[in-house]
Amino acid sequence: MLKSLSFILLGVVAAGFGLKGFLLPNGFIDGGVTGISLLVEALTNYPLSLLIILINAPFILMGYYQLGSAFALKSVFAIGCLALALVFIEYPIITSDKLLIAVFGGFFLGSGIGLAIRGGGVLDGTEVLAIYLAKKTGFTIGDFIMVFNIIIFSVAAYLLSIETALYSILTYMAASKTVNLVVEGVEEYIGVTIISSLSEDIRLMIIEKMGKGVTIYKGKRGFGKRGENLNNTDVIYSVITRLEMSKLQAEIQKIDANAFIVMNKVMDLQGGHLPGNKYFKNDNTLSK
């Protein structure tokens, strides 16, 4: 719990700095609920702290039913702290350069949102709505977030200016990339499938040199003419970090230059022998 609260509080400070130190003084907006709040603040001069609470409220209520009470309580705490930070913390205005405002305003705001997610809550309720709609339709969460933000930036272009909307899109891109970096970390997980006639040598290399776990699938080669006897083969599957990918490829090349390798990004992991020599306890908490 203490770790979660620490992430949330750090996220509040970072997001507040991005808003008051960069975006607010220059009339820039972001995507999501934060973007709507900034847009309404720019048009009406209502306090941003109040708007963030009011506009996020229905999304947090939805999150209570979709994701549980713990998520809702942490999100209420995070959003409430952000509102207080915007009122009581005096952040310095860093720059008036529009490009720097868009990039670094988005960076600090994205860092704050990402840290809050790491803490188990949200500072922006857009994804809660996207999760709900994705369950009801055949579209993905990313599709809904993209459409949601296209609407926001189109309104901003009409009500504010096209230039402001374009800079705001840049802000959103910087924020979203930073959120992904903070939430997923630098060591992004990659699932690797390897098909080789020297599968046993590759398996031993992954275990002994790379220090990773493997899973063996029984397969059969599928390239051949009708009626031809197709050889059985072992298919190796392992999960490594993105930073270890080049080392793995080099080691496989030493064993079998003709090995067939398929790499896929892994969004989430739980249990087993994970990259970085980490293990999950029975209560699903990380330990080393």
C-alpha atoms as a PDB file:
ATOM      1  CA  MET A   1       0.000   0.000   0.000  1.00  0.00           C
ATOM      2  CA  LEU A   2       2.827   2.408   0.889  1.00  0.00           C
ATOM      3  CA  LYS A   3       4.477   1.723  -2.464  1.00  0.00           C
ATOM      4  CA  SER A   4       1.211   2.409  -4.300  1.00  0.00           C
ATOM      5  CA  LEU A   5       0.672   5.697  -2.470  1.00  0.00           C
ATOM      6  CA  SER A   6       4.257   6.730  -3.186  1.00  0.00           C
ATOM      7  CA  PHE A   7       3.758   6.129  -6.918  1.00  0.00           C
ATOM      8  CA  ILE A   8       0.495   8.077  -6.875  1.00  0.00           C
ATOM      9  CA  LEU A   9       1.966  11.061  -4.995  1.00  0.00           C
ATOM     10  CA  LEU A  10       4.994  11.204  -7.293  1.00  0.00           C
ATOM     11  CA  GLY A  11       2.609  11.047 -10.230  1.00  0.00           C
ATOM     12  CA  VAL A  12       0.554  13.929  -8.834  1.00  0.00           C
ATOM     13  CA  VAL A  13       3.651  16.110  -8.444  1.00  0.00           C
ATOM     14  CA  ALA A  14       4.883  15.288 -11.973  1.00  0.00           C
ATOM     15  CA  ALA A  15       1.476  15.830 -13.606  1.00  0.00           C
ATOM     16  CA  GLY A  16       0.987  19.111 -11.732  1.00  0.00           C
ATOM     17  CA  PHE A  17       4.384  20.304 -12.938  1.00  0.00           C
ATOM     18  CA  GLY A  18       3.520  19.423 -16.536  1.00  0.00           C
ATOM     19  CA  LEU A  19       0.224  21.286 -16.281  1.00  0.00           C
ATOM     20  CA  LYS A  20       1.206  24.445 -14.360  1.00  0.00           C
ATOM     21  CA  GLY A  21       4.824  24.656 -15.472  1.00  0.00           C
ATOM     22  CA  PHE A  22       4.170  24.146 -19.191  1.00  0.00           C
ATOM     23  CA  LEU A  23       0.643  23.651 -20.540  1.00  0.00           C
ATOM     24  CA  LEU A  24      -1.654  25.942 -18.560  1.00  0.00           C
ATOM     25  CA  PRO A  25       0.291  29.222 -18.920  1.00  0.00           C
ATOM     26  CA  ASN A  26       0.398  28.754 -22.688  1.00  0.00           C
ATOM     27  CA  GLY A  27      -3.119  27.491 -23.412  1.00  0.00           C
ATOM     28  CA  PHE A  28      -2.056  24.005 -24.566  1.00  0.00           C
ATOM     29  CA  ILE A  29      -4.234  20.950 -24.038  1.00  0.00           C
ATOM     30  CA  ASP A  30      -3.717  17.188 -23.936  1.00  0.00           C
ATOM     31  CA  GLY A  31      -5.909  14.233 -24.852  1.00  0.00           C
ATOM     32  CA  GLY A  32      -8.381  12.379 -22.674  1.00  0.00           C
ATOM     33  CA  VAL A  33     -10.220  13.782 -19.668  1.00  0.00           C
ATOM     34  CA  THR A  34      -7.262  16.046 -18.912  1.00  0.00           C
ATOM     35  CA  GLY A  35      -7.589  17.515 -22.399  1.00  0.00           C
ATOM     36  CA  ILE A  36     -11.326  18.128 -21.953  1.00  0.00           C
ATOM     37  CA  SER A  37     -10.642  19.820 -18.603  1.00  0.00           C
ATOM     38  CA  LEU A  38      -7.945  22.043 -20.129  1.00  0.00           C
ATOM     39  CA  LEU A  39     -10.210  22.909 -23.076  1.00  0.00           C
ATOM     40  CA  VAL A  40     -13.133  23.863 -20.819  1.00  0.00           C
ATOM     41  CA  GLU A  41     -10.775  25.845 -18.563  1.00  0.00           C
ATOM     42  CA  ALA A  42      -9.428  27.772 -21.558  1.00  0.00           C
ATOM     43  CA  LEU A  43     -12.945  28.634 -22.741  1.00  0.00           C
ATOM     44  CA  THR A  44     -14.694  29.343 -19.428  1.00  0.00           C
ATOM     45  CA  ASN A  45     -11.935  30.175 -16.894  1.00  0.00           C
ATOM     46  CA  TYR A  46     -13.445  27.694 -14.442  1.00  0.00           C
ATOM     47  CA  PRO A  47     -10.797  26.341 -12.037  1.00  0.00           C
ATOM     48  CA  LEU A  48      -8.946  23.408 -13.606  1.00  0.00           C
ATOM     49  CA  SER A  49      -8.782  21.616 -10.266  1.00  0.00           C
ATOM     50  CA  LEU A  50     -12.593  21.568 -10.052  1.00  0.00           C
ATOM     51  CA  LEU A  51     -13.026  20.531 -13.682  1.00  0.00           C
ATOM     52  CA  ILE A  52     -10.630  17.593 -13.320  1.00  0.00           C
ATOM     53  CA  ILE A  53     -12.679  16.258 -10.404  1.00  0.00           C
ATOM     54  CA  LEU A  54     -16.084  16.796 -12.028  1.00  0.00           C
ATOM     55  CA  ILE A  55     -15.229  15.406 -15.462  1.00  0.00           C
ATOM     56  CA  ASN A  56     -13.394  12.391 -14.055  1.00  0.00           C
ATOM     57  CA  ALA A  57     -16.211  11.547 -11.610  1.00  0.00           C
ATOM     58  CA  PRO A  58     -18.430   9.491 -13.968  1.00  0.00           C
ATOM     59  CA  PHE A  59     -15.402   7.573 -15.279  1.00  0.00           C
ATOM     60  CA  ILE A  60     -14.287   6.694 -11.756  1.00  0.00           C
ATOM     61  CA  LEU A  61     -17.818   5.536 -10.926  1.00  0.00           C
ATOM     62  CA  MET A  62     -17.702   3.340 -14.014  1.00  0.00           C
ATOM     63  CA  GLY A  63     -14.295   2.064 -12.891  1.00  0.00           C
ATOM     64  CA  TYR A  64     -15.788   1.093  -9.527  1.00  0.00           C
ATOM     65  CA  TYR A  65     -18.167  -1.326 -11.244  1.00  0.00           C
ATOM     66  CA  GLN A  66     -15.666  -2.487 -13.882  1.00  0.00           C
ATOM     67  CA  LEU A  67     -12.399  -2.717 -11.919  1.00  0.00           C
ATOM     68  CA  GLY A  68     -13.363  -2.781  -8.243  1.00  0.00           C
ATOM     69  CA  SER A  69     -13.433  -0.592  -5.159  1.00  0.00           C
ATOM     70  CA  ALA A  70      -9.636  -0.561  -4.605  1.00  0.00           C
ATOM     71  CA  PHE A  71      -9.097   0.957  -8.038  1.00  0.00           C
ATOM     72  CA  ALA A  72     -11.849   3.524  -7.488  1.00  0.00           C
ATOM     73  CA  LEU A  73     -10.517   4.594  -4.071  1.00  0.00           C
ATOM     74  CA  LYS A  74      -6.959   4.989  -5.341  1.00  0.00           C
ATOM     75  CA  SER A  75      -8.202   6.971  -8.336  1.00  0.00           C
ATOM     76  CA  VAL A  76     -10.288   9.278  -6.141  1.00  0.00           C
ATOM     77  CA  PHE A  77      -7.229   9.820  -3.950  1.00  0.00           C
ATOM     78  CA  ALA A  78      -4.991  10.497  -6.977  1.00  0.00           C
ATOM     79  CA  ILE A  79      -7.389  12.927  -8.657  1.00  0.00           C
ATOM     80  CA  GLY A  80      -8.131  14.698  -5.372  1.00  0.00           C
ATOM     81  CA  CYS A  81      -4.419  15.142  -4.683  1.00  0.00           C
ATOM     82  CA  LEU A  82      -3.868  16.485  -8.212  1.00  0.00           C
ATOM     83  CA  ALA A  83      -6.652  19.032  -7.705  1.00  0.00           C
ATOM     84  CA  LEU A  84      -5.068  20.139  -4.424  1.00  0.00           C
ATOM     85  CA  ALA A  85      -1.624  20.316  -6.017  1.00  0.00           C
ATOM     86  CA  LEU A  86      -2.930  22.607  -8.768  1.00  0.00           C
ATOM     87  CA  VAL A  87      -4.381  24.926  -6.138  1.00  0.00           C
ATOM     88  CA  PHE A  88      -1.653  25.004  -3.486  1.00  0.00           C
ATOM     89  CA  ILE A  89       1.670  24.167  -5.161  1.00  0.00           C
ATOM     90  CA  GLU A  90       3.401  27.063  -6.913  1.00  0.00           C
ATOM     91  CA  TYR A  91       5.163  25.508  -9.889  1.00  0.00           C
ATOM     92  CA  PRO A  92       7.613  27.707 -11.813  1.00  0.00           C
ATOM     93  CA  ILE A  93       6.806  28.542 -15.448  1.00  0.00           C
ATOM     94  CA  ILE A  94       9.719  26.967 -17.309  1.00  0.00           C
ATOM     95  CA  THR A  95       9.592  28.260 -20.886  1.00  0.00           C
ATOM     96  CA  SER A  96       7.535  30.071 -23.496  1.00  0.00           C
ATOM     97  CA  ASP A  97       8.944  28.100 -26.444  1.00  0.00           C
ATOM     98  CA  LYS A  98       5.974  26.259 -27.974  1.00  0.00           C
ATOM     99  CA  LEU A  99       7.897  23.182 -29.060  1.00  0.00           C
ATOM    100  CA  LEU A 100       9.485  22.745 -25.624  1.00  0.00           C
ATOM    101  CA  ILE A 101       6.102  23.269 -23.973  1.00  0.00           C
ATOM    102  CA  ALA A 102       4.482  20.572 -26.130  1.00  0.00           C
ATOM    103  CA  VAL A 103       7.271  18.022 -25.674  1.00  0.00           C
ATOM    104  CA  PHE A 104       8.175  18.496 -22.021  1.00  0.00           C
ATOM    105  CA  GLY A 105       4.668  19.369 -20.878  1.00  0.00           C
ATOM    106  CA  GLY A 106       3.546  16.079 -22.382  1.00  0.00           C
ATOM    107  CA  PHE A 107       6.519  14.278 -20.869  1.00  0.00           C
ATOM    108  CA  PHE A 108       5.827  15.385 -17.293  1.00  0.00           C
ATOM    109  CA  LEU A 109       2.074  14.919 -17.629  1.00  0.00           C
ATOM    110  CA  GLY A 110       2.581  11.442 -19.099  1.00  0.00           C
ATOM    111  CA  SER A 111       5.038  10.592 -16.320  1.00  0.00           C
ATOM    112  CA  GLY A 112       2.434  11.560 -13.741  1.00  0.00           C
ATOM    113  CA  ILE A 113      -0.330   9.536 -15.382  1.00  0.00           C
ATOM    114  CA  GLY A 114       1.983   6.535 -15.752  1.00  0.00           C
ATOM    115  CA  LEU A 115       3.130   6.657 -12.126  1.00  0.00           C
ATOM    116  CA  ALA A 116      -0.482   6.837 -10.956  1.00  0.00           C
ATOM    117  CA  ILE A 117      -1.266   3.734 -13.030  1.00  0.00           C
ATOM    118  CA  ARG A 118       1.725   1.979 -11.457  1.00  0.00           C
ATOM    119  CA  GLY A 119       0.169   2.874  -8.111  1.00  0.00           C
ATOM    120  CA  GLY A 120      -3.131   1.226  -9.051  1.00  0.00           C
ATOM    121  CA  GLY A 121      -5.193   4.325  -9.881  1.00  0.00           C
ATOM    122  CA  VAL A 122      -5.650   6.844 -12.674  1.00  0.00           C
ATOM    123  CA  LEU A 123      -5.373  10.582 -13.144  1.00  0.00           C
ATOM    124  CA  ASP A 124      -7.317  10.391 -16.396  1.00  0.00           C
ATOM    125  CA  GLY A 125     -10.468   8.273 -16.703  1.00  0.00           C
ATOM    126  CA  THR A 126     -10.492   7.890 -20.488  1.00  0.00           C
ATOM    127  CA  GLU A 127      -9.164   4.334 -20.428  1.00  0.00           C
ATOM    128  CA  VAL A 128     -11.930   3.228 -18.050  1.00  0.00           C
ATOM    129  CA  LEU A 129     -14.521   4.204 -20.650  1.00  0.00           C
ATOM    130  CA  ALA A 130     -12.451   2.584 -23.403  1.00  0.00           C
ATOM    131  CA  ILE A 131     -12.256  -0.709 -21.466  1.00  0.00           C
ATOM    132  CA  TYR A 132     -16.033  -0.686 -20.975  1.00  0.00           C
ATOM    133  CA  LEU A 133     -16.796   0.056 -24.641  1.00  0.00           C
ATOM    134  CA  ALA A 134     -14.257  -2.491 -25.879  1.00  0.00           C
ATOM    135  CA  LYS A 135     -16.118  -5.213 -23.958  1.00  0.00           C
ATOM    136  CA  LYS A 136     -19.403  -4.190 -25.588  1.00  0.00           C
ATOM    137  CA  THR A 137     -18.115  -3.968 -29.166  1.00  0.00           C
ATOM    138  CA  GLY A 138     -15.541  -5.544 -31.441  1.00  0.00           C
ATOM    139  CA  PHE A 139     -13.160  -2.586 -31.302  1.00  0.00           C
ATOM    140  CA  THR A 140     -10.003  -2.347 -29.212  1.00  0.00           C
ATOM    141  CA  ILE A 141      -9.237  -0.022 -26.296  1.00  0.00           C
ATOM    142  CA  GLY A 142      -6.739   1.816 -28.490  1.00  0.00           C
ATOM    143  CA  ASP A 143      -9.397   2.421 -31.159  1.00  0.00           C
ATOM    144  CA  PHE A 144     -11.706   4.164 -28.680  1.00  0.00           C
ATOM    145  CA  ILE A 145      -8.935   6.272 -27.162  1.00  0.00           C
ATOM    146  CA  MET A 146      -7.863   7.374 -30.646  1.00  0.00           C
ATOM    147  CA  VAL A 147     -11.412   8.345 -31.675  1.00  0.00           C
ATOM    148  CA  PHE A 148     -11.952  10.101 -28.339  1.00  0.00           C
ATOM    149  CA  ASN A 149      -8.838  12.209 -28.823  1.00  0.00           C
ATOM    150  CA  ILE A 150      -9.557  12.973 -32.482  1.00  0.00           C
ATOM    151  CA  ILE A 151     -12.847  14.535 -31.330  1.00  0.00           C
ATOM    152  CA  ILE A 152     -11.089  16.563 -28.614  1.00  0.00           C
ATOM    153  CA  PHE A 153      -8.419  17.931 -30.959  1.00  0.00           C
ATOM    154  CA  SER A 154     -10.990  18.701 -33.665  1.00  0.00           C
ATOM    155  CA  VAL A 155     -12.998  20.744 -31.164  1.00  0.00           C
ATOM    156  CA  ALA A 156      -9.809  22.466 -30.032  1.00  0.00           C
ATOM    157  CA  ALA A 157      -8.952  23.372 -33.634  1.00  0.00           C
ATOM    158  CA  TYR A 158     -12.414  24.895 -34.088  1.00  0.00           C
ATOM    159  CA  LEU A 159     -12.705  26.739 -30.771  1.00  0.00           C
ATOM    160  CA  LEU A 160      -9.079  27.727 -30.173  1.00  0.00           C
ATOM    161  CA  SER A 161      -6.887  27.548 -33.269  1.00  0.00           C
ATOM    162  CA  ILE A 162      -5.452  24.984 -35.657  1.00  0.00           C
ATOM    163  CA  GLU A 163      -1.943  25.809 -34.409  1.00  0.00           C
ATOM    164  CA  THR A 164      -2.921  25.152 -30.793  1.00  0.00           C
ATOM    165  CA  ALA A 165      -4.561  21.875 -31.806  1.00  0.00           C
ATOM    166  CA  LEU A 166      -1.450  20.759 -33.695  1.00  0.00           C
ATOM    167  CA  TYR A 167       0.841  21.541 -30.769  1.00  0.00           C
ATOM    168  CA  SER A 168      -1.621  19.779 -28.489  1.00  0.00           C
ATOM    169  CA  ILE A 169      -1.432  16.659 -30.651  1.00  0.00           C
ATOM    170  CA  LEU A 170       2.337  16.759 -30.160  1.00  0.00           C
ATOM    171  CA  THR A 171       1.753  17.101 -26.405  1.00  0.00           C
ATOM    172  CA  TYR A 172      -0.549  14.082 -26.462  1.00  0.00           C
ATOM    173  CA  MET A 173       1.989  11.993 -28.410  1.00  0.00           C
ATOM    174  CA  ALA A 174       4.753  12.850 -25.916  1.00  0.00           C
ATOM    175  CA  ALA A 175       2.443  12.074 -22.988  1.00  0.00           C
ATOM    176  CA  SER A 176       1.211   8.739 -24.380  1.00  0.00           C
ATOM    177  CA  LYS A 177       4.731   7.518 -25.170  1.00  0.00           C
ATOM    178  CA  THR A 178       5.877   8.491 -21.688  1.00  0.00           C
ATOM    179  CA  VAL A 179       2.917   6.692 -20.099  1.00  0.00           C
ATOM    180  CA  ASN A 180       3.866   3.513 -21.976  1.00  0.00           C
ATOM    181  CA  LEU A 181       7.497   3.861 -20.914  1.00  0.00           C
ATOM    182  CA  VAL A 182       6.623   4.390 -17.244  1.00  0.00           C
ATOM    183  CA  VAL A 183       4.003   1.639 -17.094  1.00  0.00           C
ATOM    184  CA  GLU A 184       5.816  -1.020 -19.139  1.00  0.00           C
ATOM    185  CA  GLY A 185       9.385  -0.003 -18.264  1.00  0.00           C
ATOM    186  CA  VAL A 186      12.457   0.119 -20.445  1.00  0.00           C
ATOM    187  CA  GLU A 187      12.823  -3.667 -20.361  1.00  0.00           C
ATOM    188  CA  GLU A 188       9.847  -4.473 -22.534  1.00  0.00           C
ATOM    189  CA  TYR A 189       9.012  -8.175 -22.715  1.00  0.00           C
ATOM    190  CA  ILE A 190       9.372 -10.061 -26.000  1.00  0.00           C
ATOM    191  CA  GLY A 191       7.962 -13.541 -26.648  1.00  0.00           C
ATOM    192  CA  VAL A 192      10.298 -15.536 -28.914  1.00  0.00           C
ATOM    193  CA  THR A 193       9.314 -18.665 -30.870  1.00  0.00           C
ATOM    194  CA  ILE A 194      12.209 -20.629 -32.386  1.00  0.00           C
ATOM    195  CA  ILE A 195      12.014 -23.502 -34.877  1.00  0.00           C
ATOM    196  CA  SER A 196      15.285 -25.288 -35.584  1.00  0.00           C
ATOM    197  CA  SER A 197      16.658 -28.764 -36.241  1.00  0.00           C
ATOM    198  CA  LEU A 198      19.119 -28.013 -33.421  1.00  0.00           C
ATOM    199  CA  SER A 199      16.398 -27.145 -30.932  1.00  0.00           C
ATOM    200  CA  GLU A 200      18.029 -29.030 -28.052  1.00  0.00           C
ATOM    201  CA  ASP A 201      21.251 -27.005 -28.366  1.00  0.00           C
ATOM    202  CA  ILE A 202      19.257 -23.775 -28.504  1.00  0.00           C
ATOM    203  CA  ARG A 203      17.211 -24.822 -25.468  1.00  0.00           C
ATOM    204  CA  LEU A 204      20.347 -25.429 -23.422  1.00  0.00           C
ATOM    205  CA  MET A 205      21.830 -22.109 -24.561  1.00  0.00           C
ATOM    206  CA  ILE A 206      18.743 -20.166 -23.468  1.00  0.00           C
ATOM    207  CA  ILE A 207      18.745 -21.850 -20.057  1.00  0.00           C
ATOM    208  CA  GLU A 208      22.487 -21.829 -19.379  1.00  0.00           C
ATOM    209  CA  LYS A 209      23.774 -18.682 -21.130  1.00  0.00           C
ATOM    210  CA  MET A 210      20.680 -16.470 -21.069  1.00  0.00           C
ATOM    211  CA  GLY A 211      19.343 -17.718 -17.736  1.00  0.00           C
ATOM    212  CA  LYS A 212      15.756 -17.888 -19.069  1.00  0.00           C
ATOM    213  CA  GLY A 213      12.993 -20.440 -18.858  1.00  0.00           C
ATOM    214  CA  VAL A 214      11.658 -22.191 -21.964  1.00  0.00           C
ATOM    215  CA  THR A 215       8.578 -24.115 -23.048  1.00  0.00           C
ATOM    216  CA  ILE A 216       8.786 -26.887 -25.653  1.00  0.00           C
ATOM    217  CA  TYR A 217       5.921 -27.451 -28.096  1.00  0.00           C
ATOM    218  CA  LYS A 218       5.701 -30.576 -30.209  1.00  0.00           C
ATOM    219  CA  GLY A 219       5.263 -29.595 -33.838  1.00  0.00           C
ATOM    220  CA  LYS A 220       5.512 -30.903 -37.384  1.00  0.00           C
ATOM    221  CA  ARG A 221       7.095 -29.167 -40.339  1.00  0.00           C
ATOM    222  CA  GLY A 222       4.370 -28.089 -42.761  1.00  0.00           C
ATOM    223  CA  PHE A 223       6.291 -27.271 -45.951  1.00  0.00           C
ATOM    224  CA  GLY A 224       6.108 -30.190 -48.363  1.00  0.00           C
ATOM    225  CA  LYS A 225       4.138 -31.864 -51.117  1.00  0.00           C
ATOM    226  CA  ARG A 226       0.923 -33.787 -50.594  1.00  0.00           C
ATOM    227  CA  GLY A 227       1.596 -37.196 -49.095  1.00  0.00           C
ATOM    228  CA  GLU A 228       5.203 -36.349 -48.231  1.00  0.00           C
ATOM    229  CA  ASN A 229       6.470 -37.504 -44.814  1.00  0.00           C
ATOM    230  CA  LEU A 230       6.830 -34.341 -42.717  1.00  0.00           C
ATOM    231  CA  ASN A 231       9.346 -34.481 -39.875  1.00  0.00           C
ATOM    232  CA  ASN A 232       8.379 -33.821 -36.279  1.00  0.00           C
ATOM    233  CA  THR A 233      10.162 -30.922 -34.605  1.00  0.00           C
ATOM    234  CA  ASP A 234      10.439 -29.228 -31.217  1.00  0.00           C
ATOM    235  CA  VAL A 235       9.249 -25.611 -31.108  1.00  0.00           C
ATOM    236  CA  ILE A 236      10.910 -23.504 -28.409  1.00  0.00           C
ATOM    237  CA  TYR A 237       9.136 -20.606 -26.748  1.00  0.00           C
ATOM    238  CA  SER A 238      10.791 -18.216 -24.304  1.00  0.00           C
ATOM    239  CA  VAL A 239      10.273 -14.685 -22.961  1.00  0.00           C
ATOM    240  CA  ILE A 240      13.144 -12.201 -22.751  1.00  0.00           C
ATOM    241  CA  THR A 241      13.504  -8.430 -22.483  1.00  0.00           C
ATOM    242  CA  ARG A 242      13.907  -6.209 -25.516  1.00  0.00           C
ATOM    243  CA  LEU A 243      17.430  -5.303 -24.396  1.00  0.00           C
ATOM    244  CA  GLU A 244      18.442  -8.982 -24.503  1.00  0.00           C
ATOM    245  CA  MET A 245      17.063  -9.618 -27.986  1.00  0.00           C
ATOM    246  CA  SER A 246      20.296  -8.909 -29.880  1.00  0.00           C
ATOM    247  CA  LYS A 247      22.290 -11.238 -27.615  1.00  0.00           C
ATOM    248  CA  LEU A 248      19.774 -14.051 -28.118  1.00  0.00           C
ATOM    249  CA  GLN A 249      19.834 -13.638 -31.910  1.00  0.00           C
ATOM    250  CA  ALA A 250      23.640 -13.702 -31.934  1.00  0.00           C
ATOM    251  CA  GLU A 251      23.724 -16.883 -29.851  1.00  0.00           C
ATOM    252  CA  ILE A 252      21.137 -18.601 -32.078  1.00  0.00           C
ATOM    253  CA  GLN A 253      23.156 -17.659 -35.171  1.00  0.00           C
ATOM    254  CA  LYS A 254      26.192 -19.438 -33.706  1.00  0.00           C
ATOM    255  CA  ILE A 255      24.163 -22.642 -33.313  1.00  0.00           C
ATOM    256  CA  ASP A 256      21.889 -22.567 -36.379  1.00  0.00           C
ATOM    257  CA  ALA A 257      22.073 -19.762 -38.924  1.00  0.00           C
ATOM    258  CA  ASN A 258      18.909 -21.089 -40.602  1.00  0.00           C
ATOM    259  CA  ALA A 259      16.743 -21.095 -37.449  1.00  0.00           C
ATOM    260  CA  PHE A 260      13.262 -19.608 -37.913  1.00  0.00           C
ATOM    261  CA  ILE A 261      12.568 -16.970 -35.230  1.00  0.00           C
ATOM    262  CA  VAL A 262       9.286 -15.176 -34.526  1.00  0.00           C
ATOM    263  CA  MET A 263       9.214 -12.263 -32.046  1.00  0.00           C
ATOM    264  CA  ASN A 264       6.092 -10.743 -30.484  1.00  0.00           C
ATOM    265  CA  LYS A 265       5.616  -8.015 -27.902  1.00  0.00           C
ATOM    266  CA  VAL A 266       4.216  -9.385 -24.627  1.00  0.00           C
ATOM    267  CA  MET A 267       1.782  -7.053 -22.856  1.00  0.00           C
ATOM    268  CA  ASP A 268       1.659  -8.752 -19.440  1.00  0.00           C
ATOM    269  CA  LEU A 269       3.278 -11.594 -17.517  1.00  0.00           C
ATOM    270  CA  GLN A 270       2.439 -13.539 -14.390  1.00  0.00           C
ATOM    271  CA  GLY A 271       4.081 -16.515 -12.735  1.00  0.00           C
ATOM    272  CA  GLY A 272       6.985 -18.693 -13.824  1.00  0.00           C
ATOM    273  CA  HIS A 273      10.611 -17.779 -14.485  1.00  0.00           C
ATOM    274  CA  LEU A 274      10.486 -14.184 -15.713  1.00  0.00           C
ATOM    275  CA  PRO A 275      13.146 -12.081 -17.488  1.00  0.00           C
ATOM    276  CA  GLY A 276      15.636 -10.441 -15.193  1.00  0.00           C
ATOM    277  CA  ASN A 277      15.689 -13.443 -12.784  1.00  0.00           C
ATOM    278  CA  LYS A 278      12.485 -12.264 -11.096  1.00  0.00           C
ATOM    279  CA  TYR A 279       9.938 -14.602  -9.558  1.00  0.00           C
ATOM    280  CA  PHE A 280       6.332 -14.211  -8.536  1.00  0.00           C
ATOM    281  CA  LYS A 281       5.402 -15.396  -5.080  1.00  0.00           C
ATOM    282  CA  ASN A 282       2.131 -17.187  -4.490  1.00  0.00           C
ATOM    283  CA  ASP A 283       0.473 -13.884  -3.646  1.00  0.00           C
ATOM    284  CA  ASN A 284       1.529 -12.487  -7.074  1.00  0.00           C
ATOM    285  CA  THR A 285       3.960  -9.931  -5.619  1.00  0.00           C
ATOM    286  CA  LEU A 286       7.369  -9.509  -7.164  1.00  0.00           C
ATOM    287  CA  SER A 287      10.491 -10.527  -5.313  1.00  0.00           C
ATOM    288  CA  LYS A 288      14.101 -11.233  -6.198  1.00  0.00           C
END
